[in-house]
Amino acid sequence: MSASTINRLKRSEGQIRGIIKMLEEGRYCIDILQQMQAVKAALARAESQLLMEHAQTCIEDAIASGNAAAQREKVVELIDLFDKLKR
């Protein structure tokens, strides 16, 4: 996992701590909801970045190996992931 993905997740972690503090302080619901949307967007960006890294490493390696079983395994993994995302 790249340092930038880790940094994105650490920022999200800080944002979540901030949301918890806002809830504990009884802050305005709309402000809290906006922060929650920001966390969801940050997680989505981290997810996309990690998926790209997976494609550039694991999937690329399976293709370069010429191993048909490994290639099929990576395709099945991606299909399973996309199926889960649709739910």
Protein backbone atom coordinates (compact mmCIF):
# COMPACT_ATOMS: atom_id res chain seq x y z
CA MET A 1 0.00 0.00 0.00
CA SER A 2 1.40 3.40 -0.92
CA ALA A 3 2.17 6.11 1.56
CA SER A 4 -0.44 8.38 0.00
CA THR A 5 -3.20 5.79 0.58
CA ILE A 6 -2.09 5.41 4.20
CA ASN A 7 -2.08 9.20 4.60
CA ARG A 8 -5.61 9.44 3.19
CA LEU A 9 -6.81 6.84 5.67
CA LYS A 10 -5.06 8.58 8.56
CA ARG A 11 -6.77 11.84 7.60
CA SER A 12 -10.09 10.00 7.54
CA GLU A 13 -9.33 8.60 10.96
CA GLY A 14 -8.77 12.14 12.23
CA GLN A 15 -12.00 13.30 10.63
CA ILE A 16 -13.91 10.48 12.32
CA ARG A 17 -12.44 11.46 15.69
CA GLY A 18 -13.60 15.00 14.95
CA ILE A 19 -17.11 13.76 14.18
CA ILE A 20 -17.23 11.85 17.46
CA LYS A 21 -16.18 15.00 19.30
CA MET A 22 -18.87 17.00 17.48
CA LEU A 23 -21.48 14.46 18.55
CA GLU A 24 -20.26 14.54 22.14
CA GLU A 25 -20.46 18.33 22.13
CA GLY A 26 -23.98 18.28 20.73
CA ARG A 27 -23.05 20.18 17.58
CA TYR A 28 -25.58 20.96 14.86
CA CYS A 29 -26.70 17.82 12.99
CA ILE A 30 -26.20 19.28 9.51
CA ASP A 31 -22.58 20.19 10.33
CA ILE A 32 -21.98 16.62 11.53
CA LEU A 33 -23.64 15.15 8.44
CA GLN A 34 -21.46 17.32 6.19
CA GLN A 35 -18.36 16.01 7.94
CA MET A 36 -19.63 12.46 7.54
CA GLN A 37 -20.04 13.08 3.80
CA ALA A 38 -16.46 14.36 3.68
CA VAL A 39 -15.22 11.15 5.34
CA LYS A 40 -17.17 9.00 2.90
CA ALA A 41 -15.65 10.92 -0.02
CA ALA A 42 -12.14 10.56 1.42
CA LEU A 43 -12.65 6.81 1.92
CA ALA A 44 -13.94 6.49 -1.65
CA ARG A 45 -10.79 8.21 -2.94
CA ALA A 46 -8.59 5.90 -0.85
CA GLU A 47 -10.54 2.90 -2.12
CA SER A 48 -10.06 3.97 -5.74
CA GLN A 49 -6.38 4.55 -5.16
CA LEU A 50 -5.95 1.12 -3.57
CA LEU A 51 -7.84 -0.52 -6.43
CA MET A 52 -5.53 1.21 -8.90
CA GLU A 53 -2.49 -0.01 -6.97
CA HIS A 54 -3.90 -3.54 -7.02
CA ALA A 55 -4.33 -3.34 -10.78
CA GLN A 56 -0.80 -2.03 -11.22
CA THR A 57 0.79 -4.73 -9.08
CA CYS A 58 -1.17 -7.90 -8.36
CA ILE A 59 -3.17 -8.05 -11.57
CA GLU A 60 -0.23 -6.93 -13.71
CA ASP A 61 1.94 -9.64 -12.09
CA ALA A 62 -0.68 -12.32 -12.78
CA ILE A 63 -0.86 -11.27 -16.43
CA ALA A 64 2.92 -11.14 -16.80
CA SER A 65 3.28 -14.58 -15.20
CA GLY A 66 1.34 -16.21 -18.01
CA ASN A 67 -0.34 -18.37 -15.36
CA ALA A 68 -3.94 -18.75 -16.52
CA ALA A 69 -5.14 -19.91 -13.09
CA ALA A 70 -3.65 -16.85 -11.38
CA GLN A 71 -5.19 -14.59 -14.02
CA ARG A 72 -8.63 -16.16 -13.53
CA GLU A 73 -8.25 -15.80 -9.76
CA LYS A 74 -7.60 -12.06 -10.07
CA VAL A 75 -10.57 -11.60 -12.40
CA VAL A 76 -12.84 -13.48 -9.98
CA GLU A 77 -11.58 -11.32 -7.11
CA LEU A 78 -12.46 -8.16 -9.02
CA ILE A 79 -15.89 -9.44 -10.00
CA ASP A 80 -16.60 -10.38 -6.37
CA LEU A 81 -15.49 -6.93 -5.24
CA PHE A 82 -17.69 -5.14 -7.77
CA ASP A 83 -20.64 -7.35 -6.79
CA LYS A 84 -20.18 -6.32 -3.15
CA LEU A 85 -19.99 -2.65 -4.12
CA LYS A 86 -23.39 -2.87 -5.84
CA ARG A 87 -25.12 -3.93 -2.62
